[in-house]
Amino acid sequence: MIDARGLSCPMPVLMVQREVKKNQPKTIEVLVDNMTAVGNITRFAASQHYEVRYEEKAGDYRMTLWK
């Protein structure tokens, strides 16, 4: 689980990018707290052939990326 709440872009995307590069996981869970990060991570994930789903709860967004 990557917790990127409280961080401004591009940090959430860079955290996801590092995880993809290092471990090439089939599934990644990410927590962010703004729609800008959701959009940027979604674009990066698509470029790496991941599908993305997210849900919002109490101002936080839980993202699931999977191949």
N, C-alpha and C. Protein backbone atom coordinates (compact mmCIF):
# COMPACT_ATOMS: atom_id res chain seq x y z
N MET A 1 0.84 -1.17 0.00
CA MET A 1 0.00 0.00 0.00
C MET A 1 0.89 1.24 0.00
N ILE A 2 0.63 2.11 -0.93
CA ILE A 2 1.34 3.39 -1.01
C ILE A 2 0.43 4.46 -0.44
N ASP A 3 0.86 5.13 0.61
CA ASP A 3 0.08 6.20 1.22
C ASP A 3 0.70 7.53 0.80
N ALA A 4 0.05 8.18 -0.15
CA ALA A 4 0.56 9.45 -0.67
C ALA A 4 -0.33 10.62 -0.26
N ARG A 5 -1.14 10.43 0.78
CA ARG A 5 -1.99 11.51 1.27
C ARG A 5 -1.12 12.64 1.79
N GLY A 6 -1.55 13.86 1.49
CA GLY A 6 -0.83 15.03 1.96
C GLY A 6 0.33 15.46 1.07
N LEU A 7 0.58 14.70 0.01
CA LEU A 7 1.68 15.02 -0.90
C LEU A 7 1.14 15.66 -2.18
N SER A 8 1.87 16.65 -2.66
CA SER A 8 1.50 17.31 -3.92
C SER A 8 2.12 16.57 -5.09
N CYS A 9 1.44 16.66 -6.22
CA CYS A 9 2.01 16.08 -7.45
C CYS A 9 3.27 16.87 -7.78
N PRO A 10 4.27 16.19 -8.24
CA PRO A 10 4.26 14.85 -8.83
C PRO A 10 4.62 13.72 -7.86
N MET A 11 4.74 13.98 -6.55
CA MET A 11 5.22 12.94 -5.62
C MET A 11 4.37 11.66 -5.62
N PRO A 12 3.04 11.73 -5.60
CA PRO A 12 2.28 10.47 -5.63
C PRO A 12 2.58 9.64 -6.88
N VAL A 13 2.69 10.29 -8.02
CA VAL A 13 3.00 9.57 -9.26
C VAL A 13 4.40 8.97 -9.19
N LEU A 14 5.36 9.72 -8.67
CA LEU A 14 6.73 9.21 -8.56
C LEU A 14 6.80 8.01 -7.62
N MET A 15 6.01 8.02 -6.56
CA MET A 15 5.98 6.88 -5.64
C MET A 15 5.45 5.63 -6.34
N VAL A 16 4.40 5.80 -7.12
CA VAL A 16 3.84 4.67 -7.88
C VAL A 16 4.84 4.21 -8.93
N GLN A 17 5.46 5.17 -9.61
CA GLN A 17 6.43 4.84 -10.65
C GLN A 17 7.59 4.02 -10.07
N ARG A 18 8.09 4.41 -8.89
CA ARG A 18 9.18 3.66 -8.25
C ARG A 18 8.75 2.23 -7.93
N GLU A 19 7.53 2.07 -7.42
CA GLU A 19 7.04 0.74 -7.08
C GLU A 19 6.93 -0.14 -8.33
N VAL A 20 6.43 0.43 -9.42
CA VAL A 20 6.30 -0.32 -10.68
C VAL A 20 7.67 -0.73 -11.18
N LYS A 21 8.61 0.22 -11.17
CA LYS A 21 9.95 -0.06 -11.68
C LYS A 21 10.68 -1.10 -10.83
N LYS A 22 10.54 -0.99 -9.51
CA LYS A 22 11.27 -1.86 -8.59
C LYS A 22 10.69 -3.28 -8.54
N ASN A 23 9.36 -3.40 -8.43
CA ASN A 23 8.75 -4.70 -8.17
C ASN A 23 7.84 -5.24 -9.26
N GLN A 24 7.45 -4.42 -10.20
CA GLN A 24 6.53 -4.82 -11.27
C GLN A 24 5.35 -5.62 -10.73
N PRO A 25 4.64 -5.05 -9.73
CA PRO A 25 3.53 -5.79 -9.12
C PRO A 25 2.33 -5.92 -10.05
N LYS A 26 1.57 -6.96 -9.84
CA LYS A 26 0.33 -7.16 -10.61
C LYS A 26 -0.77 -6.25 -10.08
N THR A 27 -0.72 -5.93 -8.77
CA THR A 27 -1.71 -5.07 -8.13
C THR A 27 -1.01 -4.07 -7.22
N ILE A 28 -1.51 -2.84 -7.24
CA ILE A 28 -0.97 -1.79 -6.37
C ILE A 28 -2.16 -1.07 -5.74
N GLU A 29 -2.09 -0.84 -4.44
CA GLU A 29 -3.09 -0.05 -3.73
C GLU A 29 -2.44 1.29 -3.39
N VAL A 30 -3.18 2.39 -3.65
CA VAL A 30 -2.64 3.72 -3.42
C VAL A 30 -3.70 4.57 -2.72
N LEU A 31 -3.29 5.32 -1.70
CA LEU A 31 -4.16 6.28 -1.04
C LEU A 31 -3.68 7.69 -1.38
N VAL A 32 -4.59 8.52 -1.86
CA VAL A 32 -4.30 9.92 -2.13
C VAL A 32 -5.46 10.76 -1.59
N ASP A 33 -5.28 12.07 -1.56
CA ASP A 33 -6.33 12.91 -1.01
C ASP A 33 -6.78 14.03 -1.95
N ASN A 34 -6.50 13.87 -3.25
CA ASN A 34 -6.98 14.88 -4.19
C ASN A 34 -7.17 14.28 -5.58
N MET A 35 -8.08 14.87 -6.33
CA MET A 35 -8.40 14.36 -7.67
C MET A 35 -7.28 14.59 -8.67
N THR A 36 -6.44 15.58 -8.44
CA THR A 36 -5.30 15.78 -9.34
C THR A 36 -4.40 14.56 -9.31
N ALA A 37 -4.11 14.06 -8.12
CA ALA A 37 -3.28 12.86 -7.99
C ALA A 37 -3.96 11.66 -8.62
N VAL A 38 -5.27 11.52 -8.43
CA VAL A 38 -6.01 10.42 -9.05
C VAL A 38 -5.85 10.46 -10.57
N GLY A 39 -6.03 11.63 -11.16
CA GLY A 39 -5.89 11.77 -12.60
C GLY A 39 -4.49 11.48 -13.10
N ASN A 40 -3.50 12.01 -12.41
CA ASN A 40 -2.11 11.81 -12.83
C ASN A 40 -1.67 10.36 -12.68
N ILE A 41 -2.06 9.72 -11.58
CA ILE A 41 -1.72 8.31 -11.39
C ILE A 41 -2.44 7.46 -12.42
N THR A 42 -3.69 7.79 -12.71
CA THR A 42 -4.45 7.04 -13.71
C THR A 42 -3.76 7.10 -15.07
N ARG A 43 -3.29 8.28 -15.47
CA ARG A 43 -2.60 8.42 -16.76
C ARG A 43 -1.29 7.62 -16.77
N PHE A 44 -0.53 7.70 -15.68
CA PHE A 44 0.71 6.92 -15.61
C PHE A 44 0.40 5.43 -15.67
N ALA A 45 -0.59 5.00 -14.89
CA ALA A 45 -0.94 3.58 -14.84
C ALA A 45 -1.33 3.07 -16.23
N ALA A 46 -2.10 3.85 -16.96
CA ALA A 46 -2.50 3.45 -18.32
C ALA A 46 -1.28 3.30 -19.22
N SER A 47 -0.30 4.16 -19.05
CA SER A 47 0.91 4.08 -19.87
C SER A 47 1.71 2.81 -19.57
N GLN A 48 1.47 2.23 -18.38
CA GLN A 48 2.17 1.00 -17.97
C GLN A 48 1.26 -0.22 -18.10
N HIS A 49 0.12 -0.04 -18.75
CA HIS A 49 -0.84 -1.11 -19.02
C HIS A 49 -1.55 -1.63 -17.78
N TYR A 50 -1.75 -0.75 -16.80
CA TYR A 50 -2.55 -1.08 -15.62
C TYR A 50 -3.96 -0.54 -15.82
N GLU A 51 -4.93 -1.25 -15.28
CA GLU A 51 -6.29 -0.73 -15.20
C GLU A 51 -6.43 -0.10 -13.82
N VAL A 52 -7.36 0.84 -13.70
CA VAL A 52 -7.48 1.60 -12.46
C VAL A 52 -8.94 1.68 -12.02
N ARG A 53 -9.11 1.54 -10.72
CA ARG A 53 -10.42 1.77 -10.11
C ARG A 53 -10.13 2.58 -8.85
N TYR A 54 -11.05 3.50 -8.51
CA TYR A 54 -10.88 4.24 -7.26
C TYR A 54 -12.23 4.49 -6.62
N GLU A 55 -12.17 4.68 -5.30
CA GLU A 55 -13.37 5.04 -4.56
C GLU A 55 -12.99 6.13 -3.57
N GLU A 56 -13.94 7.02 -3.33
CA GLU A 56 -13.71 8.15 -2.44
C GLU A 56 -14.42 7.88 -1.11
N LYS A 57 -13.70 8.11 -0.02
CA LYS A 57 -14.27 7.99 1.32
C LYS A 57 -13.70 9.10 2.19
N ALA A 58 -14.57 9.94 2.68
CA ALA A 58 -14.19 11.00 3.62
C ALA A 58 -13.03 11.86 3.11
N GLY A 59 -13.05 12.19 1.83
CA GLY A 59 -12.03 13.06 1.26
C GLY A 59 -10.76 12.37 0.81
N ASP A 60 -10.65 11.07 1.06
CA ASP A 60 -9.50 10.30 0.58
C ASP A 60 -9.94 9.41 -0.58
N TYR A 61 -9.00 9.10 -1.43
CA TYR A 61 -9.27 8.24 -2.58
C TYR A 61 -8.40 7.00 -2.49
N ARG A 62 -9.05 5.84 -2.50
CA ARG A 62 -8.33 4.56 -2.50
C ARG A 62 -8.32 4.06 -3.92
N MET A 63 -7.13 3.95 -4.47
CA MET A 63 -6.97 3.52 -5.86
C MET A 63 -6.44 2.08 -5.90
N THR A 64 -6.96 1.32 -6.83
CA THR A 64 -6.46 -0.02 -7.08
C THR A 64 -6.00 -0.06 -8.53
N LEU A 65 -4.74 -0.41 -8.74
CA LEU A 65 -4.18 -0.56 -10.08
C LEU A 65 -3.90 -2.05 -10.27
N TRP A 66 -4.26 -2.60 -11.40
CA TRP A 66 -4.01 -4.02 -11.65
C TRP A 66 -3.79 -4.28 -13.11
N LYS A 67 -3.11 -5.40 -13.36
CA LYS A 67 -2.88 -5.86 -14.73
C LYS A 67 -3.69 -7.09 -14.97
